[in-house]
N, C-alpha and C. Protein backbone atom coordinates (compact mmCIF):
# COMPACT_ATOMS: atom_id res chain seq x y z
N PRO A 1 -4.13 47.59 -55.32
CA PRO A 1 -4.66 48.70 -56.04
C PRO A 1 -5.63 49.53 -55.16
N ASP A 2 -5.76 50.77 -55.49
CA ASP A 2 -6.68 51.69 -54.77
C ASP A 2 -8.11 51.41 -54.98
N ASN A 3 -8.43 51.06 -56.22
CA ASN A 3 -9.85 50.77 -56.52
C ASN A 3 -9.92 49.35 -57.13
N VAL A 4 -11.01 48.62 -56.86
CA VAL A 4 -11.16 47.24 -57.22
C VAL A 4 -12.52 47.13 -57.85
N THR A 5 -12.63 46.36 -58.93
CA THR A 5 -13.91 46.00 -59.52
C THR A 5 -13.85 44.52 -59.74
N ILE A 6 -14.84 43.82 -59.24
CA ILE A 6 -14.92 42.34 -59.34
C ILE A 6 -16.12 42.00 -60.13
N TYR A 7 -16.09 41.16 -61.14
CA TYR A 7 -17.25 40.70 -61.89
C TYR A 7 -17.37 39.27 -61.70
N ASP A 8 -18.67 38.85 -61.52
CA ASP A 8 -18.92 37.40 -61.58
C ASP A 8 -20.26 37.30 -62.37
N SER A 9 -20.74 36.12 -62.46
CA SER A 9 -21.90 35.86 -63.32
C SER A 9 -23.14 36.65 -62.88
N GLU A 10 -23.25 37.05 -61.63
CA GLU A 10 -24.43 37.72 -61.12
C GLU A 10 -24.22 39.14 -60.58
N ASN A 11 -22.99 39.44 -60.26
CA ASN A 11 -22.76 40.64 -59.47
C ASN A 11 -21.49 41.42 -60.06
N VAL A 12 -21.63 42.71 -59.76
CA VAL A 12 -20.39 43.61 -60.02
C VAL A 12 -20.17 44.32 -58.65
N PHE A 13 -18.99 44.16 -58.14
CA PHE A 13 -18.72 44.81 -56.90
C PHE A 13 -17.56 45.90 -57.23
N SER A 14 -17.70 47.08 -56.81
CA SER A 14 -16.69 48.08 -57.09
C SER A 14 -16.59 49.01 -55.92
N GLY A 15 -15.37 49.39 -55.62
CA GLY A 15 -15.12 50.26 -54.51
C GLY A 15 -13.68 50.25 -54.23
N THR A 16 -13.29 50.93 -53.05
CA THR A 16 -11.91 50.90 -52.69
C THR A 16 -11.47 49.60 -52.04
N SER A 17 -10.16 49.33 -52.15
CA SER A 17 -9.71 48.00 -51.68
C SER A 17 -9.95 47.88 -50.19
N ASP A 18 -10.12 48.88 -49.46
CA ASP A 18 -10.39 48.85 -47.94
C ASP A 18 -11.69 48.29 -47.81
N ASP A 19 -12.66 48.39 -48.75
CA ASP A 19 -14.06 47.89 -48.63
C ASP A 19 -14.21 46.42 -48.71
N PHE A 20 -13.18 45.75 -49.20
CA PHE A 20 -13.38 44.34 -49.59
C PHE A 20 -12.90 43.32 -48.59
N THR A 21 -13.60 42.31 -48.55
CA THR A 21 -13.19 41.04 -47.79
C THR A 21 -13.21 39.96 -48.88
N ILE A 22 -12.20 39.24 -49.05
CA ILE A 22 -12.12 38.17 -50.00
C ILE A 22 -12.43 36.93 -49.24
N TYR A 23 -13.48 36.13 -49.78
CA TYR A 23 -13.92 34.90 -49.25
C TYR A 23 -13.30 33.76 -50.07
N CYS A 24 -12.53 32.92 -49.39
CA CYS A 24 -11.83 31.82 -50.17
C CYS A 24 -11.49 30.74 -49.21
N TYR A 25 -10.97 29.60 -49.82
CA TYR A 25 -10.51 28.51 -49.06
C TYR A 25 -9.14 28.73 -48.62
N GLU A 26 -8.76 28.02 -47.44
CA GLU A 26 -7.50 28.36 -46.79
C GLU A 26 -6.28 28.09 -47.71
N ASP A 27 -6.16 27.08 -48.38
CA ASP A 27 -4.99 26.71 -49.18
C ASP A 27 -5.21 27.14 -50.65
N SER A 28 -5.87 28.22 -50.92
CA SER A 28 -6.07 28.59 -52.28
C SER A 28 -5.19 29.75 -52.71
N ALA A 29 -5.05 29.86 -54.12
CA ALA A 29 -4.19 30.90 -54.61
C ALA A 29 -4.79 32.22 -54.23
N MET A 30 -6.18 32.35 -54.16
CA MET A 30 -6.78 33.68 -53.77
C MET A 30 -6.44 34.07 -52.40
N ASN A 31 -6.33 33.08 -51.50
CA ASN A 31 -5.91 33.35 -50.12
C ASN A 31 -4.49 33.93 -50.09
N ASP A 32 -3.61 33.31 -50.86
CA ASP A 32 -2.26 33.76 -50.89
C ASP A 32 -2.19 35.21 -51.51
N TYR A 33 -3.00 35.43 -52.62
CA TYR A 33 -2.97 36.76 -53.19
C TYR A 33 -3.48 37.81 -52.23
N ALA A 34 -4.61 37.41 -51.48
CA ALA A 34 -5.10 38.42 -50.54
C ALA A 34 -4.18 38.80 -49.42
N GLU A 35 -3.55 37.77 -48.89
CA GLU A 35 -2.56 37.99 -47.82
C GLU A 35 -1.34 38.85 -48.32
N LYS A 36 -0.91 38.54 -49.52
CA LYS A 36 0.23 39.19 -50.10
C LYS A 36 -0.06 40.68 -50.21
N TYR A 37 -1.24 41.06 -50.69
CA TYR A 37 -1.59 42.44 -51.00
C TYR A 37 -2.39 43.09 -49.86
N GLY A 38 -2.56 42.43 -48.79
CA GLY A 38 -3.16 43.03 -47.63
C GLY A 38 -4.65 43.19 -47.59
N TYR A 39 -5.40 42.40 -48.40
CA TYR A 39 -6.78 42.35 -48.37
C TYR A 39 -7.31 41.65 -47.15
N LYS A 40 -8.53 41.99 -46.67
CA LYS A 40 -9.15 41.30 -45.56
C LYS A 40 -9.57 39.97 -46.16
N VAL A 41 -9.42 38.91 -45.31
CA VAL A 41 -9.75 37.50 -45.80
C VAL A 41 -10.72 36.85 -44.88
N SER A 42 -11.68 36.21 -45.46
CA SER A 42 -12.55 35.31 -44.59
C SER A 42 -12.40 33.90 -45.22
N VAL A 43 -11.73 33.05 -44.39
CA VAL A 43 -11.46 31.63 -44.87
C VAL A 43 -12.75 30.81 -44.64
N VAL A 44 -13.22 30.17 -45.78
CA VAL A 44 -14.35 29.33 -45.84
C VAL A 44 -13.86 27.87 -45.68
N ASP A 45 -14.63 27.06 -44.91
CA ASP A 45 -14.29 25.68 -44.69
C ASP A 45 -14.30 24.91 -46.02
N ALA A 46 -13.39 23.95 -46.07
CA ALA A 46 -13.24 23.13 -47.31
C ALA A 46 -14.55 22.53 -47.67
N GLY A 47 -14.94 22.51 -48.90
CA GLY A 47 -16.18 21.91 -49.27
C GLY A 47 -17.44 22.81 -49.13
N ALA A 48 -17.31 23.91 -48.50
CA ALA A 48 -18.37 24.85 -48.34
C ALA A 48 -18.56 25.75 -49.61
N ASP A 49 -19.75 26.28 -49.81
CA ASP A 49 -19.91 27.15 -50.96
C ASP A 49 -19.45 28.57 -50.61
N VAL A 50 -18.44 29.03 -51.24
CA VAL A 50 -17.85 30.37 -50.96
C VAL A 50 -18.89 31.44 -51.18
N GLY A 51 -19.65 31.41 -52.31
CA GLY A 51 -20.71 32.41 -52.55
C GLY A 51 -21.70 32.45 -51.47
N GLU A 52 -22.17 31.34 -51.02
CA GLU A 52 -23.14 31.28 -49.94
C GLU A 52 -22.61 31.80 -48.68
N ALA A 53 -21.35 31.55 -48.27
CA ALA A 53 -20.74 32.04 -47.10
C ALA A 53 -20.71 33.65 -47.16
N MET A 54 -20.39 34.13 -48.36
CA MET A 54 -20.29 35.57 -48.56
C MET A 54 -21.69 36.20 -48.40
N ARG A 55 -22.71 35.62 -49.06
CA ARG A 55 -24.02 36.16 -48.94
C ARG A 55 -24.53 36.19 -47.56
N LYS A 56 -24.32 35.15 -46.73
CA LYS A 56 -24.73 35.06 -45.39
C LYS A 56 -24.07 36.14 -44.52
N GLU A 57 -22.80 36.37 -44.71
CA GLU A 57 -22.08 37.42 -44.09
C GLU A 57 -22.54 38.84 -44.41
N LEU A 58 -22.86 39.03 -45.72
CA LEU A 58 -23.28 40.35 -46.09
C LEU A 58 -24.70 40.66 -45.43
N GLU A 59 -25.50 39.68 -45.25
CA GLU A 59 -26.78 39.88 -44.77
C GLU A 59 -26.83 40.22 -43.27
N LYS A 60 -25.80 39.86 -42.52
CA LYS A 60 -25.73 40.18 -41.09
C LYS A 60 -25.81 41.72 -40.89
N GLY A 61 -26.68 42.11 -40.08
CA GLY A 61 -26.73 43.50 -39.65
C GLY A 61 -27.18 44.50 -40.82
N LYS A 62 -27.62 43.93 -41.88
CA LYS A 62 -28.04 44.81 -42.99
C LYS A 62 -29.44 45.23 -42.78
N ALA A 63 -29.61 46.57 -42.77
CA ALA A 63 -30.92 47.17 -42.60
C ALA A 63 -31.67 47.07 -43.91
N ALA A 64 -32.93 46.79 -43.84
CA ALA A 64 -33.74 46.71 -45.15
C ALA A 64 -34.03 48.11 -45.50
N ALA A 65 -33.91 48.49 -46.74
CA ALA A 65 -34.13 49.87 -47.27
C ALA A 65 -35.58 50.20 -46.94
N GLY A 66 -35.73 51.44 -46.35
CA GLY A 66 -36.98 51.93 -46.08
C GLY A 66 -37.65 51.61 -44.72
N ASP A 67 -37.20 50.44 -44.17
CA ASP A 67 -37.67 49.97 -42.87
C ASP A 67 -37.01 50.58 -41.72
N VAL A 68 -37.25 51.90 -41.65
CA VAL A 68 -36.45 52.69 -40.68
C VAL A 68 -36.74 52.38 -39.27
N ASN A 69 -38.01 52.00 -38.94
CA ASN A 69 -38.36 51.60 -37.51
C ASN A 69 -38.13 50.15 -37.32
N ASN A 70 -37.62 49.36 -38.36
CA ASN A 70 -37.24 48.00 -38.03
C ASN A 70 -38.40 47.09 -37.61
N ASP A 71 -39.57 47.36 -38.09
CA ASP A 71 -40.82 46.52 -37.76
C ASP A 71 -41.05 45.47 -38.80
N GLY A 72 -40.22 45.35 -39.75
CA GLY A 72 -40.37 44.34 -40.84
C GLY A 72 -41.30 44.77 -41.90
N GLN A 73 -41.77 45.97 -41.93
CA GLN A 73 -42.71 46.57 -42.92
C GLN A 73 -42.08 47.84 -43.50
N VAL A 74 -42.36 48.22 -44.72
CA VAL A 74 -41.97 49.43 -45.30
C VAL A 74 -43.38 50.23 -45.55
N ASN A 75 -43.58 51.24 -44.73
CA ASN A 75 -44.92 51.94 -44.95
C ASN A 75 -44.72 53.42 -44.57
N SER A 76 -45.90 54.08 -44.43
CA SER A 76 -45.91 55.51 -44.23
C SER A 76 -45.19 55.90 -42.94
N GLU A 77 -45.27 55.09 -41.95
CA GLU A 77 -44.54 55.45 -40.64
C GLU A 77 -43.03 55.58 -40.96
N ASP A 78 -42.53 54.77 -41.81
CA ASP A 78 -41.06 54.89 -42.13
C ASP A 78 -40.87 56.15 -42.93
N ALA A 79 -41.74 56.47 -43.81
CA ALA A 79 -41.59 57.73 -44.64
C ALA A 79 -41.56 58.89 -43.68
N LEU A 80 -42.50 58.92 -42.66
CA LEU A 80 -42.55 60.05 -41.70
C LEU A 80 -41.16 60.17 -40.92
N THR A 81 -40.69 58.92 -40.52
CA THR A 81 -39.44 58.90 -39.83
C THR A 81 -38.35 59.48 -40.68
N ILE A 82 -38.31 59.11 -42.00
CA ILE A 82 -37.28 59.60 -42.93
C ILE A 82 -37.42 61.15 -43.01
N LEU A 83 -38.56 61.66 -43.02
CA LEU A 83 -38.76 63.14 -43.13
C LEU A 83 -38.23 63.79 -41.75
N LYS A 84 -38.46 63.19 -40.69
CA LYS A 84 -37.97 63.70 -39.44
C LYS A 84 -36.48 63.78 -39.34
N ILE A 85 -35.91 62.68 -39.88
CA ILE A 85 -34.39 62.62 -39.86
C ILE A 85 -33.85 63.74 -40.84
N ALA A 86 -34.57 63.83 -42.06
CA ALA A 86 -34.12 64.86 -43.05
C ALA A 86 -34.17 66.27 -42.40
N ALA A 87 -35.20 66.55 -41.61
CA ALA A 87 -35.41 67.83 -41.02
C ALA A 87 -34.59 68.08 -39.72
N GLU A 88 -33.85 67.02 -39.41
CA GLU A 88 -33.03 67.07 -38.17
C GLU A 88 -33.78 67.17 -36.91
N LEU A 89 -35.03 66.54 -36.91
CA LEU A 89 -35.85 66.43 -35.74
C LEU A 89 -35.61 65.19 -35.03
N LEU A 90 -34.91 64.26 -35.65
CA LEU A 90 -34.67 62.91 -35.13
C LEU A 90 -33.23 62.62 -35.40
N THR A 91 -32.48 62.12 -34.42
CA THR A 91 -31.09 61.68 -34.75
C THR A 91 -31.10 60.18 -34.91
N PRO A 92 -30.81 59.71 -36.16
CA PRO A 92 -30.91 58.27 -36.45
C PRO A 92 -29.78 57.41 -35.86
N SER A 93 -30.04 56.20 -35.56
CA SER A 93 -29.00 55.25 -35.28
C SER A 93 -28.24 54.89 -36.59
N GLU A 94 -27.19 54.19 -36.52
CA GLU A 94 -26.49 53.86 -37.77
C GLU A 94 -27.31 52.92 -38.64
N GLU A 95 -28.10 52.05 -38.04
CA GLU A 95 -28.95 51.11 -38.85
C GLU A 95 -30.11 51.94 -39.50
N GLN A 96 -30.68 52.92 -38.73
CA GLN A 96 -31.72 53.75 -39.32
C GLN A 96 -31.20 54.59 -40.41
N GLU A 97 -30.04 55.15 -40.28
CA GLU A 97 -29.40 55.86 -41.32
C GLU A 97 -29.23 55.11 -42.62
N GLN A 98 -28.79 53.95 -42.47
CA GLN A 98 -28.65 53.02 -43.59
C GLN A 98 -29.95 52.68 -44.31
N ALA A 99 -31.02 52.43 -43.54
CA ALA A 99 -32.29 52.15 -44.05
C ALA A 99 -32.99 53.36 -44.63
N ALA A 100 -32.74 54.53 -44.07
CA ALA A 100 -33.37 55.71 -44.52
C ALA A 100 -32.87 56.18 -45.83
N ASP A 101 -31.62 55.96 -46.22
CA ASP A 101 -31.10 56.39 -47.55
C ASP A 101 -31.44 55.38 -48.58
N VAL A 102 -32.71 55.38 -48.95
CA VAL A 102 -33.28 54.38 -49.85
C VAL A 102 -32.70 54.46 -51.18
N ASN A 103 -32.48 55.59 -51.74
CA ASN A 103 -31.90 55.67 -53.10
C ASN A 103 -30.40 55.59 -53.17
N GLY A 104 -29.76 55.50 -52.01
CA GLY A 104 -28.29 55.14 -51.95
C GLY A 104 -27.42 56.39 -52.37
N ASP A 105 -27.91 57.62 -52.32
CA ASP A 105 -27.17 58.71 -52.78
C ASP A 105 -26.33 59.44 -51.66
N GLY A 106 -26.35 58.81 -50.52
CA GLY A 106 -25.53 59.29 -49.37
C GLY A 106 -26.22 60.41 -48.58
N ARG A 107 -27.42 60.76 -48.99
CA ARG A 107 -28.20 61.73 -48.27
C ARG A 107 -29.57 61.22 -47.83
N ILE A 108 -30.12 61.71 -46.79
CA ILE A 108 -31.46 61.39 -46.39
C ILE A 108 -32.38 62.54 -46.54
N ASN A 109 -33.31 62.42 -47.50
CA ASN A 109 -34.23 63.58 -47.77
C ASN A 109 -35.49 63.14 -48.27
N SER A 110 -36.37 64.11 -48.76
CA SER A 110 -37.76 63.79 -49.13
C SER A 110 -37.79 62.80 -50.30
N GLU A 111 -36.71 62.71 -51.11
CA GLU A 111 -36.72 61.68 -52.24
C GLU A 111 -36.80 60.25 -51.60
N ASP A 112 -36.01 60.05 -50.52
CA ASP A 112 -36.11 58.77 -49.88
C ASP A 112 -37.49 58.44 -49.34
N ALA A 113 -38.14 59.41 -48.72
CA ALA A 113 -39.42 59.27 -48.12
C ALA A 113 -40.42 58.97 -49.29
N LEU A 114 -40.31 59.66 -50.41
CA LEU A 114 -41.23 59.48 -51.54
C LEU A 114 -41.11 58.13 -52.10
N LEU A 115 -39.89 57.50 -52.17
CA LEU A 115 -39.75 56.11 -52.68
C LEU A 115 -40.42 55.22 -51.71
N VAL A 116 -40.35 55.47 -50.42
CA VAL A 116 -41.06 54.57 -49.49
C VAL A 116 -42.47 54.62 -49.63
N LEU A 117 -43.09 55.86 -49.75
CA LEU A 117 -44.51 56.04 -49.98
C LEU A 117 -44.96 55.29 -51.24
N LYS A 118 -44.19 55.47 -52.31
CA LYS A 118 -44.55 54.82 -53.56
C LYS A 118 -44.53 53.29 -53.38
N TYR A 119 -43.57 52.82 -52.71
CA TYR A 119 -43.50 51.31 -52.49
C TYR A 119 -44.69 50.92 -51.69
N ALA A 120 -44.94 51.57 -50.55
CA ALA A 120 -46.10 51.28 -49.73
C ALA A 120 -47.45 51.30 -50.42
N ALA A 121 -47.56 52.17 -51.44
CA ALA A 121 -48.78 52.33 -52.22
C ALA A 121 -48.84 51.30 -53.33
N GLY A 122 -47.82 50.57 -53.55
CA GLY A 122 -47.85 49.58 -54.63
C GLY A 122 -47.38 50.17 -55.93
N LEU A 123 -46.91 51.38 -55.98
CA LEU A 123 -46.51 51.98 -57.25
C LEU A 123 -45.06 51.72 -57.64
N LEU A 124 -44.27 51.11 -56.70
CA LEU A 124 -42.90 50.79 -56.92
C LEU A 124 -42.67 49.40 -56.45
N HIS A 125 -41.99 48.62 -57.28
CA HIS A 125 -41.65 47.23 -56.94
C HIS A 125 -40.20 47.08 -56.95
N TYR A 126 -39.70 46.28 -56.06
CA TYR A 126 -38.27 45.93 -55.93
C TYR A 126 -37.92 44.81 -56.86
N PRO A 127 -36.75 44.81 -57.63
CA PRO A 127 -35.79 45.92 -57.59
C PRO A 127 -36.37 46.99 -58.54
N ALA A 128 -36.04 48.25 -58.07
CA ALA A 128 -36.63 49.41 -58.80
C ALA A 128 -35.41 50.21 -59.25
N GLU A 129 -35.71 51.00 -60.37
CA GLU A 129 -34.67 51.95 -60.85
C GLU A 129 -34.45 52.99 -59.72
N ASN A 130 -33.25 53.51 -59.67
CA ASN A 130 -32.90 54.59 -58.67
C ASN A 130 -32.98 54.19 -57.29
N THR A 131 -32.98 52.92 -57.02
CA THR A 131 -32.84 52.52 -55.57
C THR A 131 -31.61 51.67 -55.54
N LYS A 132 -30.97 51.60 -54.28
CA LYS A 132 -29.77 50.83 -54.15
C LYS A 132 -30.16 49.41 -54.10
N ASN A 133 -29.24 48.55 -54.19
CA ASN A 133 -29.54 47.09 -54.26
C ASN A 133 -29.68 46.57 -52.80
N ILE A 134 -30.93 46.73 -52.33
CA ILE A 134 -31.29 46.32 -50.96
C ILE A 134 -32.65 45.69 -51.07
N SER A 135 -33.14 45.07 -50.02
CA SER A 135 -34.36 44.30 -50.09
C SER A 135 -35.48 45.04 -49.43
N PHE A 136 -36.69 45.13 -50.09
CA PHE A 136 -37.87 45.66 -49.45
C PHE A 136 -38.68 44.48 -49.04
């Protein structure tokens, strides 16, 4: 299929089939299905927790929302950097770009900087409405 939506007890994943990697055991029906229909597959060792393997892989290289300078904090320095990126005074790395788009709308602008400032001031707590599912 062109679009896929997966529901489980805690998550809803939706997007194009190119975006998905299926995590499963080697000799499982899910592995057979994924291979048959051309999905990316990550085989998990027998006895391992598939959900935990998936979570660990998703966390690799994931920039924390708002932490544009990658110092482990979300503060006014990050908001200033976001504004510089929005004004095209600074060319961001891929990781900075991901971290700067705090609200997940695909654009980096003053709305993202404002969310960072509100969070830094204690006026916004994660998870927050209008922010993508990332960690502060």
